[in-house]
Amino acid sequence: MDDSLPPSLFIPNFNGMTGDKRLDVRAGALWNQLSKTPSSNISALSEDRPEQIAYYRLLENDKFSEDALIQELVSRVIPLVTGRELLCLEDSSEINVSKNKNRLQANTGLGRSDNAENSTCFKIHPGLVIDANSLCPLGFSAIKVFERPIGQPDRKARNYKTQPIAEKESYKWIEVTNDSKKVLGSASLVTFVQDREGDIFEQFALVPDARHHLLIRSRTTRKLTDGKDLYTEVGLFPVAGYYDIDVPADKRKNRVKHVAHMEIRYGSFQVQRPQSLSGKNYPQYITIRCVSAREVTPGVENPVHWKLLTTHEITCFEDAVRMVAWYKCRWFIEQVFRLLKHRGFGIEDTLLETGWAIRKLVLMQLSALLKIMQMNIAYNDPEGGQPIEDVFTPQETEVLIHLNRKLQGKTAKSQNNNNPKKTKWATWIIGRLGKWKGYDSQGPPGIICLKNGLERFTNIMEGVRLAKDMYTG
């Protein structure tokens, strides 16, 4: 297998997408602007007023469709996955554009929020594909974009518990997973990693096979075929060993960033089919493995305790630890959503007037943020991440060499001590451009810092190209 992933593989091809060459070229130009200047402000992405109007018209044009954008985006991952062992990280996020609700046109792909009755939201549920060994992000295997209808009856009125899974919103987990299986068909092994919302009996019954596995954080205890419950029984298994993980800060749980000392237990269980599925075409039970990862760090408030369900065989402590490490990678999909919002691309502040246009802009942004993800992952990788030529072009690397000389300090701690052949070396430079101090003792550059640094680096590259044109013209 060729591990080389040149940057060109992460650049979209819009040729032939709309049937109109002018629209295709315009789509490519907008994507280039998004990759250089992560933003949702069309004015800021445009060189002049005519270009601004052209981008507005592109996003409102029915020929430039949501389905075509998704197809183009997921098709690019296909040649990258052959023979690889993969993780497909799934999660949902709500895009809420209520800040500009007075500008929004009704009935244009927006629906009800989780927390309000206003029709200013839509949801995205992507599958982010990364190499299971290198943790290199390869792209997206499937993306579901949908809105929750304003007039939709509540759960009680719909008798939600007895509804077929295909009629529930939670079917998105199975739908995106099955679509991903088709796209990732040439991979050697795929593990779908999901949070608690994906803990659905039907998914365990329908999805797994010899090449496709599930790794899902448990939402609630399950009844076992012997009448006992899952959480109690896994807690009775002996401690297999201990394992340290980095836990990020979480304001919602009043949790500070720290190193967690984890106690690992694991076992195999037969989970009984829920009563609500009786009489339906599902097995009486499913066999799953459960890994209990419980934090035993002294003096920590709100300690971590994950119960992870998987269809992988677990025969030793190392197998269990691998599941914990793979589940922790789900943080990357959360970073994708963070990049889309707030100080990243700022999609929830967009001034676009229709949900259809905003949804298409989000899909283009998902494609454009992959370079930032590659850098973020590289800096947290002891091996330094991907080869630098996988992420930066030769011309960009040449400029990075000059910037590195300028940004380094005189002391060893203030110098870029990373391997110049690896993406981590370039990430140090981009982080410094984004106002990171460059000291590892202060932690790695954050994802928003990298976004700001990449934007500044793009401006520098534009200046370099302009200077070359002036002296060679």
Protein backbone atom coordinates (compact mmCIF):
# COMPACT_ATOMS: atom_id res chain seq x y z
CA MET A 1 0.00 0.00 0.00
CA ASP A 2 1.26 3.48 -0.91
CA ASP A 3 1.08 5.71 2.17
CA SER A 4 1.74 8.89 0.18
CA LEU A 5 -1.19 11.31 0.26
CA PRO A 6 -0.26 14.33 -1.87
CA PRO A 7 -2.25 17.54 -1.16
CA SER A 8 -3.90 17.32 -4.58
CA LEU A 9 -6.01 14.39 -3.30
CA PHE A 10 -7.76 16.77 -0.89
CA ILE A 11 -8.73 19.32 -3.57
CA PRO A 12 -12.27 18.99 -4.97
CA ASN A 13 -13.11 18.67 -8.64
CA PHE A 14 -16.29 20.50 -9.59
CA ASN A 15 -15.91 19.95 -13.34
CA GLY A 16 -19.20 18.73 -14.79
CA MET A 17 -21.07 19.04 -11.50
CA THR A 18 -23.67 21.57 -12.64
CA GLY A 19 -23.68 21.17 -16.42
CA ASP A 20 -22.57 24.81 -16.63
CA LYS A 21 -18.81 25.41 -16.92
CA ARG A 22 -19.10 28.92 -15.48
CA LEU A 23 -20.80 27.61 -12.34
CA ASP A 24 -18.23 24.82 -11.99
CA VAL A 25 -15.36 27.32 -12.19
CA ARG A 26 -17.11 29.60 -9.71
CA ALA A 27 -17.51 26.69 -7.26
CA GLY A 28 -13.78 25.98 -7.48
CA ALA A 29 -12.99 29.64 -6.85
CA LEU A 30 -15.23 29.75 -3.77
CA TRP A 31 -13.65 26.57 -2.38
CA ASN A 32 -10.18 28.09 -2.88
CA GLN A 33 -11.25 31.14 -0.91
CA LEU A 34 -12.70 28.99 1.88
CA SER A 35 -9.47 26.99 2.18
CA LYS A 36 -7.43 30.19 2.34
CA THR A 37 -9.74 32.27 4.54
CA PRO A 38 -12.01 30.10 6.72
CA SER A 39 -15.16 32.21 6.90
CA SER A 40 -18.92 32.25 6.30
CA ASN A 41 -18.96 35.90 5.25
CA ILE A 42 -19.34 35.91 1.47
CA SER A 43 -18.26 39.54 1.32
CA ALA A 44 -14.98 38.70 3.08
CA LEU A 45 -14.44 35.77 0.71
CA SER A 46 -14.89 37.96 -2.39
CA GLU A 47 -12.39 40.20 -4.17
CA ASP A 48 -15.07 42.65 -5.31
CA ARG A 49 -18.82 43.20 -5.51
CA PRO A 50 -19.36 41.27 -8.79
CA GLU A 51 -17.59 38.22 -7.32
CA GLN A 52 -19.70 38.49 -4.17
CA ILE A 53 -22.90 38.49 -6.22
CA ALA A 54 -21.60 35.53 -8.26
CA TYR A 55 -21.01 33.47 -5.10
CA TYR A 56 -24.48 34.31 -3.77
CA ARG A 57 -26.03 33.19 -7.05
CA LEU A 58 -23.97 29.99 -7.07
CA LEU A 59 -25.17 28.96 -3.61
CA GLU A 60 -28.79 29.72 -4.53
CA ASN A 61 -28.62 27.89 -7.88
CA ASP A 62 -30.50 24.58 -7.99
CA LYS A 63 -27.94 23.18 -10.46
CA PHE A 64 -25.35 23.44 -7.68
CA SER A 65 -27.04 20.81 -5.55
CA GLU A 66 -26.53 19.50 -2.04
CA ASP A 67 -26.54 15.89 -3.24
CA ALA A 68 -23.87 16.61 -5.87
CA LEU A 69 -21.64 18.29 -3.28
CA ILE A 70 -21.93 15.31 -0.95
CA GLN A 71 -21.20 12.88 -3.77
CA GLU A 72 -18.11 14.82 -4.84
CA LEU A 73 -16.83 15.05 -1.28
CA VAL A 74 -17.25 11.37 -0.36
CA SER A 75 -15.99 10.10 -3.73
CA ARG A 76 -12.56 11.61 -3.01
CA VAL A 77 -11.98 9.30 -0.06
CA ILE A 78 -12.45 6.13 -2.14
CA PRO A 79 -8.92 5.94 -3.68
CA LEU A 80 -7.34 6.69 -0.27
CA VAL A 81 -8.74 3.77 1.73
CA THR A 82 -7.67 0.66 -0.18
CA GLY A 83 -6.08 -1.89 2.13
CA ARG A 84 -6.21 0.40 5.15
CA GLU A 85 -7.60 -0.24 8.61
CA LEU A 86 -9.96 2.66 9.26
CA LEU A 87 -11.94 4.43 11.93
CA CYS A 88 -15.15 6.13 10.82
CA LEU A 89 -16.07 8.73 13.44
CA GLU A 90 -19.73 9.73 13.50
CA ASP A 91 -21.69 12.38 15.35
CA SER A 92 -24.47 14.95 14.83
CA SER A 93 -24.41 18.71 15.22
CA GLU A 94 -27.09 21.36 15.01
CA ILE A 95 -26.36 24.46 12.92
CA ASN A 96 -28.48 27.22 14.45
CA VAL A 97 -28.65 30.47 12.44
CA SER A 98 -31.25 32.18 14.64
CA LYS A 99 -29.00 35.24 15.08
CA ASN A 100 -30.13 36.34 11.62
CA LYS A 101 -33.66 34.93 11.75
CA ASN A 102 -35.20 38.11 10.36
CA ARG A 103 -33.26 37.64 7.11
CA LEU A 104 -34.13 33.98 6.61
CA GLN A 105 -36.66 32.88 4.04
CA ALA A 106 -39.28 30.40 5.21
CA ASN A 107 -39.49 26.82 3.91
CA THR A 108 -35.89 26.71 2.66
CA GLY A 109 -34.41 23.67 4.42
CA LEU A 110 -34.51 24.92 8.01
CA GLY A 111 -36.43 23.35 10.87
CA ARG A 112 -37.03 23.19 14.59
CA SER A 113 -34.19 23.41 17.08
CA ASP A 114 -33.54 20.97 19.90
CA ASN A 115 -34.14 23.77 22.38
CA ALA A 116 -36.78 25.98 20.73
CA GLU A 117 -39.69 25.99 18.33
CA ASN A 118 -38.14 28.46 15.86
CA SER A 119 -37.40 27.26 12.34
CA THR A 120 -33.79 28.40 12.10
CA CYS A 121 -31.82 25.16 12.31
CA PHE A 122 -30.62 22.15 10.39
CA LYS A 123 -28.49 19.18 11.37
CA ILE A 124 -25.46 17.49 9.90
CA HIS A 125 -24.31 13.95 10.58
CA PRO A 126 -20.98 13.16 8.86
CA GLY A 127 -18.70 10.15 8.90
CA LEU A 128 -15.08 11.37 9.28
CA VAL A 129 -12.60 8.74 8.08
CA ILE A 130 -9.14 8.43 9.65
CA ASP A 131 -6.42 5.82 9.33
CA ALA A 132 -6.63 3.64 12.46
CA ASN A 133 -2.85 3.39 12.78
CA SER A 134 -1.54 6.83 11.80
CA LEU A 135 -4.75 8.74 12.73
CA CYS A 136 -4.35 10.62 9.46
CA PRO A 137 -7.69 12.17 8.35
CA LEU A 138 -8.61 10.94 4.88
CA GLY A 139 -11.98 12.59 4.27
CA PHE A 140 -15.68 11.89 4.67
CA SER A 141 -17.44 8.64 3.83
CA ALA A 142 -21.03 9.89 4.10
CA ILE A 143 -22.88 13.04 5.17
CA LYS A 144 -26.54 13.38 6.09
CA VAL A 145 -28.00 16.90 6.15
CA PHE A 146 -31.56 17.25 7.38
CA GLU A 147 -34.00 19.51 9.21
CA ARG A 148 -36.56 18.64 11.87
CA PRO A 149 -40.03 19.68 10.60
CA ILE A 150 -41.72 22.42 12.61
CA GLY A 151 -45.06 20.59 12.68
CA GLN A 152 -43.60 17.24 13.70
CA PRO A 153 -45.62 15.68 16.58
CA ASP A 154 -43.77 15.01 19.81
CA ARG A 155 -42.48 11.57 20.81
CA LYS A 156 -45.60 10.68 22.76
CA ALA A 157 -47.93 11.55 19.89
CA ARG A 158 -45.81 9.52 17.48
CA ASN A 159 -45.60 6.57 19.91
CA TYR A 160 -41.87 6.82 19.34
CA LYS A 161 -40.81 3.65 21.16
CA THR A 162 -42.84 1.40 18.89
CA GLN A 163 -41.98 3.16 15.63
CA PRO A 164 -39.83 1.19 13.15
CA ILE A 165 -36.23 2.36 13.35
CA ALA A 166 -36.32 3.58 9.72
CA GLU A 167 -39.00 6.13 10.72
CA LYS A 168 -37.00 7.55 13.62
CA GLU A 169 -34.45 10.36 13.51
CA SER A 170 -31.99 7.96 15.17
CA TYR A 171 -31.96 5.96 11.94
CA LYS A 172 -29.31 8.48 10.82
CA TRP A 173 -26.71 6.33 12.61
CA ILE A 174 -27.58 3.23 10.62
CA GLU A 175 -28.08 5.18 7.38
CA VAL A 176 -24.70 6.95 7.48
CA THR A 177 -22.95 3.75 8.60
CA ASN A 178 -24.45 1.70 5.75
CA ASP A 179 -23.65 4.43 3.19
CA SER A 180 -20.10 4.52 4.54
CA LYS A 181 -19.74 0.75 4.14
CA LYS A 182 -20.36 1.15 0.40
CA VAL A 183 -17.81 3.96 0.04
CA LEU A 184 -15.15 2.21 2.15
CA GLY A 185 -15.52 -1.14 0.42
CA SER A 186 -11.82 -1.50 -0.44
CA ALA A 187 -10.60 -1.01 3.15
CA SER A 188 -9.28 -4.02 5.02
CA LEU A 189 -11.27 -3.24 8.19
CA VAL A 190 -13.59 -0.43 9.31
CA THR A 191 -14.62 0.42 12.87
CA PHE A 192 -17.51 2.85 13.30
CA VAL A 193 -16.97 4.96 16.43
CA GLN A 194 -20.01 6.66 17.96
CA ASP A 195 -21.15 8.35 21.15
CA ARG A 196 -24.04 7.28 23.37
CA GLU A 197 -26.78 8.34 20.95
CA GLY A 198 -25.63 5.55 18.63
CA ASP A 199 -26.27 2.86 21.25
CA ILE A 200 -29.21 1.30 19.39
CA PHE A 201 -29.94 -2.43 19.52
CA GLU A 202 -31.05 -2.40 15.88
CA GLN A 203 -27.67 -1.07 14.80
CA PHE A 204 -25.81 -3.90 16.52
CA ALA A 205 -28.18 -6.33 14.84
CA LEU A 206 -27.96 -4.85 11.32
CA VAL A 207 -24.51 -3.32 10.76
CA PRO A 208 -21.60 -5.56 11.84
CA ASP A 209 -19.98 -8.22 9.66
CA ALA A 210 -16.50 -9.69 9.25
CA ARG A 211 -15.01 -6.40 7.94
CA HIS A 212 -17.19 -3.83 9.73
CA HIS A 213 -17.29 -3.33 13.48
CA LEU A 214 -18.98 -1.00 15.96
CA LEU A 215 -17.41 0.83 18.91
CA ILE A 216 -20.07 2.81 20.76
CA ARG A 217 -20.21 4.37 24.20
CA SER A 218 -23.06 2.79 26.14
CA ARG A 219 -26.06 5.02 26.85
CA THR A 220 -27.75 2.86 29.48
CA THR A 221 -27.35 -0.55 31.02
CA ARG A 222 -28.81 -3.49 29.11
CA LYS A 223 -30.67 -6.56 30.24
CA LEU A 224 -28.69 -9.75 29.64
CA THR A 225 -30.13 -13.11 28.62
CA ASP A 226 -29.58 -14.47 32.15
CA GLY A 227 -31.70 -11.68 33.64
CA LYS A 228 -28.77 -9.71 35.04
CA ASP A 229 -27.78 -6.23 33.89
CA LEU A 230 -24.71 -5.23 31.87
CA TYR A 231 -23.25 -2.51 34.10
CA THR A 232 -23.36 -4.61 37.24
CA GLU A 233 -21.78 -7.60 35.55
CA VAL A 234 -18.90 -5.76 33.85
CA GLY A 235 -18.12 -4.13 37.19
CA LEU A 236 -17.65 -7.59 38.71
CA PHE A 237 -14.92 -8.56 36.24
CA PRO A 238 -11.35 -8.29 37.57
CA VAL A 239 -9.26 -5.22 36.81
CA ALA A 240 -7.23 -6.07 33.71
CA GLY A 241 -4.79 -3.17 34.15
CA TYR A 242 -4.39 0.58 34.26
CA TYR A 243 -3.98 3.11 31.47
CA ASP A 244 -3.38 6.89 31.34
CA ILE A 245 -5.20 9.17 28.90
CA ASP A 246 -5.30 12.93 28.31
CA VAL A 247 -8.74 14.32 29.12
CA PRO A 248 -9.66 17.69 27.55
CA ALA A 249 -11.43 20.41 29.50
CA ASP A 250 -15.24 20.31 29.42
CA LYS A 251 -17.04 23.37 30.84
CA ARG A 252 -20.41 21.61 30.67
CA LYS A 253 -19.20 18.94 33.11
CA ASN A 254 -16.98 21.30 35.13
CA ARG A 255 -14.03 19.18 34.07
CA VAL A 256 -10.50 20.60 33.76
CA LYS A 257 -7.85 19.33 31.37
CA HIS A 258 -5.80 16.61 33.03
CA VAL A 259 -4.19 13.19 32.72
CA ALA A 260 -6.63 10.52 33.84
CA HIS A 261 -5.50 7.25 35.42
CA MET A 262 -7.97 4.68 34.10
CA GLU A 263 -8.94 1.29 35.53
CA ILE A 264 -9.77 -1.17 32.72
CA ARG A 265 -12.18 -4.11 32.92
CA TYR A 266 -13.72 -6.05 30.05
CA GLY A 267 -15.95 -8.99 29.26
CA SER A 268 -18.24 -10.61 26.68
CA PHE A 269 -22.03 -10.49 27.12
CA GLN A 270 -25.27 -11.62 25.52
CA VAL A 271 -27.62 -8.63 25.45
CA GLN A 272 -31.30 -9.48 25.28
CA ARG A 273 -33.52 -7.96 22.61
CA PRO A 274 -35.55 -5.04 24.06
CA GLN A 275 -39.23 -5.73 24.77
CA SER A 276 -40.26 -2.98 22.34
CA LEU A 277 -38.75 -5.02 19.48
CA SER A 278 -40.62 -8.23 20.28
CA GLY A 279 -42.28 -9.77 17.27
CA LYS A 280 -39.97 -7.91 14.87
CA ASN A 281 -37.29 -9.44 12.69
CA TYR A 282 -34.39 -9.06 15.13
CA PRO A 283 -32.39 -11.75 16.93
CA GLN A 284 -33.31 -12.73 20.47
CA TYR A 285 -29.93 -11.48 21.65
CA ILE A 286 -26.68 -9.99 20.39
CA THR A 287 -23.18 -10.84 21.61
CA ILE A 288 -21.06 -7.80 22.40
CA ARG A 289 -17.90 -7.01 24.32
CA CYS A 290 -17.96 -4.27 26.96
CA VAL A 291 -14.92 -2.31 28.12
CA SER A 292 -15.27 -0.37 31.36
CA ALA A 293 -12.75 2.48 31.55
CA ARG A 294 -13.12 4.17 34.94
CA GLU A 295 -10.98 7.03 36.15
CA VAL A 296 -9.34 6.45 39.53
CA THR A 297 -7.22 9.61 39.62
CA PRO A 298 -7.17 10.84 43.25
CA GLY A 299 -8.98 14.11 43.97
CA VAL A 300 -10.62 14.58 40.55
CA GLU A 301 -14.18 15.92 40.38
CA ASN A 302 -16.50 14.31 37.83
CA PRO A 303 -14.17 11.43 36.99
CA VAL A 304 -14.44 9.83 33.56
CA HIS A 305 -16.27 6.50 33.33
CA TRP A 306 -16.84 5.08 29.87
CA LYS A 307 -18.63 1.82 29.18
CA LEU A 308 -17.72 1.00 25.59
CA LEU A 309 -19.64 -1.57 23.55
CA THR A 310 -17.91 -3.22 20.61
CA THR A 311 -18.22 -6.10 18.20
CA HIS A 312 -14.43 -6.54 18.15
CA GLU A 313 -12.98 -9.55 19.93
CA ILE A 314 -11.20 -8.58 23.16
CA THR A 315 -8.90 -11.25 24.50
CA CYS A 316 -6.36 -9.22 26.50
CA PHE A 317 -5.67 -5.90 28.21
CA GLU A 318 -4.02 -4.50 25.06
CA ASP A 319 -7.18 -5.16 23.01
CA ALA A 320 -9.25 -3.28 25.60
CA VAL A 321 -6.85 -0.34 25.66
CA ARG A 322 -7.01 -0.14 21.87
CA MET A 323 -10.79 0.31 22.11
CA VAL A 324 -10.36 3.13 24.64
CA ALA A 325 -7.76 4.84 22.43
CA TRP A 326 -9.98 4.51 19.35
CA TYR A 327 -13.01 5.85 21.18
CA LYS A 328 -10.97 8.84 22.33
CA CYS A 329 -10.45 9.67 18.62
CA ARG A 330 -14.11 10.68 18.52
CA TRP A 331 -12.81 14.03 19.78
CA PHE A 332 -11.72 14.73 16.17
CA ILE A 333 -15.31 14.89 14.91
CA GLU A 334 -16.12 17.31 17.73
CA GLN A 335 -13.25 19.47 16.49
CA VAL A 336 -14.80 19.44 13.01
CA PHE A 337 -17.99 20.93 14.45
CA ARG A 338 -15.98 23.45 16.46
CA LEU A 339 -14.22 24.57 13.30
CA LEU A 340 -17.54 25.09 11.54
CA LYS A 341 -18.87 27.29 14.31
CA HIS A 342 -17.83 30.16 16.57
CA ARG A 343 -14.29 31.42 15.86
CA GLY A 344 -13.69 28.90 13.08
CA PHE A 345 -15.72 29.34 9.90
CA GLY A 346 -18.49 31.03 11.92
CA ILE A 347 -21.29 29.35 10.00
CA GLU A 348 -23.93 30.33 12.57
CA ASP A 349 -23.19 34.00 11.88
CA THR A 350 -23.70 33.77 8.13
CA LEU A 351 -25.85 36.40 6.42
CA LEU A 352 -27.11 34.04 3.71
CA GLU A 353 -30.88 34.17 3.47
CA THR A 354 -31.91 30.58 2.68
CA GLY A 355 -31.30 27.33 4.46
CA TRP A 356 -30.46 25.64 1.15
CA ALA A 357 -27.57 28.06 0.53
CA ILE A 358 -26.26 27.72 4.09
CA ARG A 359 -26.37 23.92 3.87
CA LYS A 360 -24.33 23.95 0.66
CA LEU A 361 -21.81 26.35 2.19
CA VAL A 362 -21.36 23.97 5.16
CA LEU A 363 -20.58 21.08 2.80
CA MET A 364 -17.90 23.15 1.08
CA GLN A 365 -16.47 24.09 4.47
CA LEU A 366 -16.26 20.44 5.53
CA SER A 367 -14.00 19.85 2.56
CA ALA A 368 -11.88 22.95 3.23
CA LEU A 369 -11.14 22.24 6.92
CA LEU A 370 -9.28 18.95 6.40
CA LYS A 371 -5.84 20.62 6.29
CA ILE A 372 -6.44 22.17 9.73
CA MET A 373 -7.45 18.75 11.07
CA GLN A 374 -4.29 17.18 9.62
CA MET A 375 -2.10 19.72 11.42
CA ASN A 376 -3.98 19.41 14.70
CA ILE A 377 -3.64 15.63 14.72
CA ALA A 378 0.02 15.79 13.67
CA TYR A 379 1.04 17.94 16.62
CA ASN A 380 -0.46 15.46 19.07
CA ASP A 381 1.27 12.51 17.37
CA PRO A 382 4.62 11.44 18.92
CA GLU A 383 5.74 10.40 15.43
CA GLY A 384 5.03 13.86 14.01
CA GLY A 385 2.06 12.98 11.83
CA GLN A 386 2.09 12.66 8.06
CA PRO A 387 5.05 13.43 5.79
CA ILE A 388 5.04 17.17 5.16
CA GLU A 389 4.53 16.69 1.42
CA ASP A 390 1.15 15.06 2.18
CA VAL A 391 -0.19 18.37 3.49
CA PHE A 392 1.91 21.18 1.96
CA THR A 393 3.08 21.75 -1.59
CA PRO A 394 6.82 22.11 -2.36
CA GLN A 395 6.42 25.88 -2.78
CA GLU A 396 4.61 26.16 0.56
CA THR A 397 7.33 24.10 2.24
CA GLU A 398 10.00 26.41 0.84
CA VAL A 399 8.24 29.41 2.40
CA LEU A 400 7.80 27.52 5.69
CA ILE A 401 11.58 27.00 5.87
CA HIS A 402 12.16 30.76 5.68
CA LEU A 403 9.41 31.48 8.23
CA ASN A 404 10.85 28.88 10.60
CA ARG A 405 14.19 30.76 10.72
CA LYS A 406 12.36 33.99 11.56
CA LEU A 407 9.98 32.60 14.17
CA GLN A 408 12.44 30.56 16.22
CA GLY A 409 13.88 32.02 19.41
CA LYS A 410 17.46 31.81 20.68
CA THR A 411 16.83 29.26 23.43
CA ALA A 412 16.30 25.55 22.84
CA LYS A 413 12.78 25.73 24.31
CA SER A 414 11.75 28.43 21.83
CA GLN A 415 12.98 26.56 18.75
CA ASN A 416 11.18 24.21 16.41
CA ASN A 417 12.73 20.91 17.45
CA ASN A 418 10.43 18.75 15.33
CA ASN A 419 11.37 16.63 12.33
CA PRO A 420 11.28 18.95 9.24
CA LYS A 421 10.05 16.03 7.13
CA LYS A 422 6.87 15.72 9.20
CA THR A 423 3.68 17.78 9.36
CA LYS A 424 4.28 18.51 13.07
CA TRP A 425 7.24 20.70 12.09
CA ALA A 426 5.01 22.77 9.79
CA THR A 427 2.27 22.88 12.43
CA TRP A 428 4.69 24.54 14.88
CA ILE A 429 5.22 27.34 12.33
CA ILE A 430 1.52 27.74 11.52
CA GLY A 431 0.76 27.82 15.25
CA ARG A 432 3.31 30.60 15.77
CA LEU A 433 1.67 32.57 12.96
CA GLY A 434 -1.63 32.11 14.82
CA LYS A 435 -0.12 33.76 17.98
CA TRP A 436 0.86 30.55 19.78
CA LYS A 437 4.00 31.12 21.87
CA GLY A 438 5.83 28.04 20.64
CA TYR A 439 6.50 26.49 24.06
CA ASP A 440 5.39 22.88 24.41
CA SER A 441 5.04 23.47 28.17
CA GLN A 442 2.01 25.65 27.35
CA GLY A 443 0.35 22.84 25.42
CA PRO A 444 -0.03 22.35 21.65
CA PRO A 445 -1.52 25.03 19.38
CA GLY A 446 -5.31 24.86 19.47
CA ILE A 447 -7.48 24.26 16.45
CA ILE A 448 -8.67 27.89 16.27
CA CYS A 449 -5.07 29.09 16.61
CA LEU A 450 -4.17 26.86 13.65
CA LYS A 451 -7.10 28.23 11.67
CA ASN A 452 -5.85 31.80 12.29
CA GLY A 453 -2.26 30.81 11.50
CA LEU A 454 -3.25 29.11 8.26
CA GLU A 455 -5.17 32.22 7.22
CA ARG A 456 -2.08 34.37 7.84
CA PHE A 457 0.14 31.84 6.03
CA THR A 458 -2.18 32.00 3.01
CA ASN A 459 -1.77 35.77 2.91
CA ILE A 460 2.01 35.35 3.03
CA MET A 461 1.86 32.85 0.15
CA GLU A 462 -0.21 35.33 -1.88
CA GLY A 463 2.49 37.94 -1.28
CA VAL A 464 5.22 35.51 -2.36
CA ARG A 465 3.38 34.68 -5.59
CA LEU A 466 2.76 38.35 -6.30
CA ALA A 467 6.44 39.18 -5.77
CA LYS A 468 7.50 36.39 -8.14
CA ASP A 469 5.05 37.64 -10.77
CA MET A 470 6.45 41.17 -10.45
CA TYR A 471 10.07 40.10 -10.90
CA THR A 472 9.46 37.54 -13.62
CA GLY A 473 6.82 39.46 -15.59
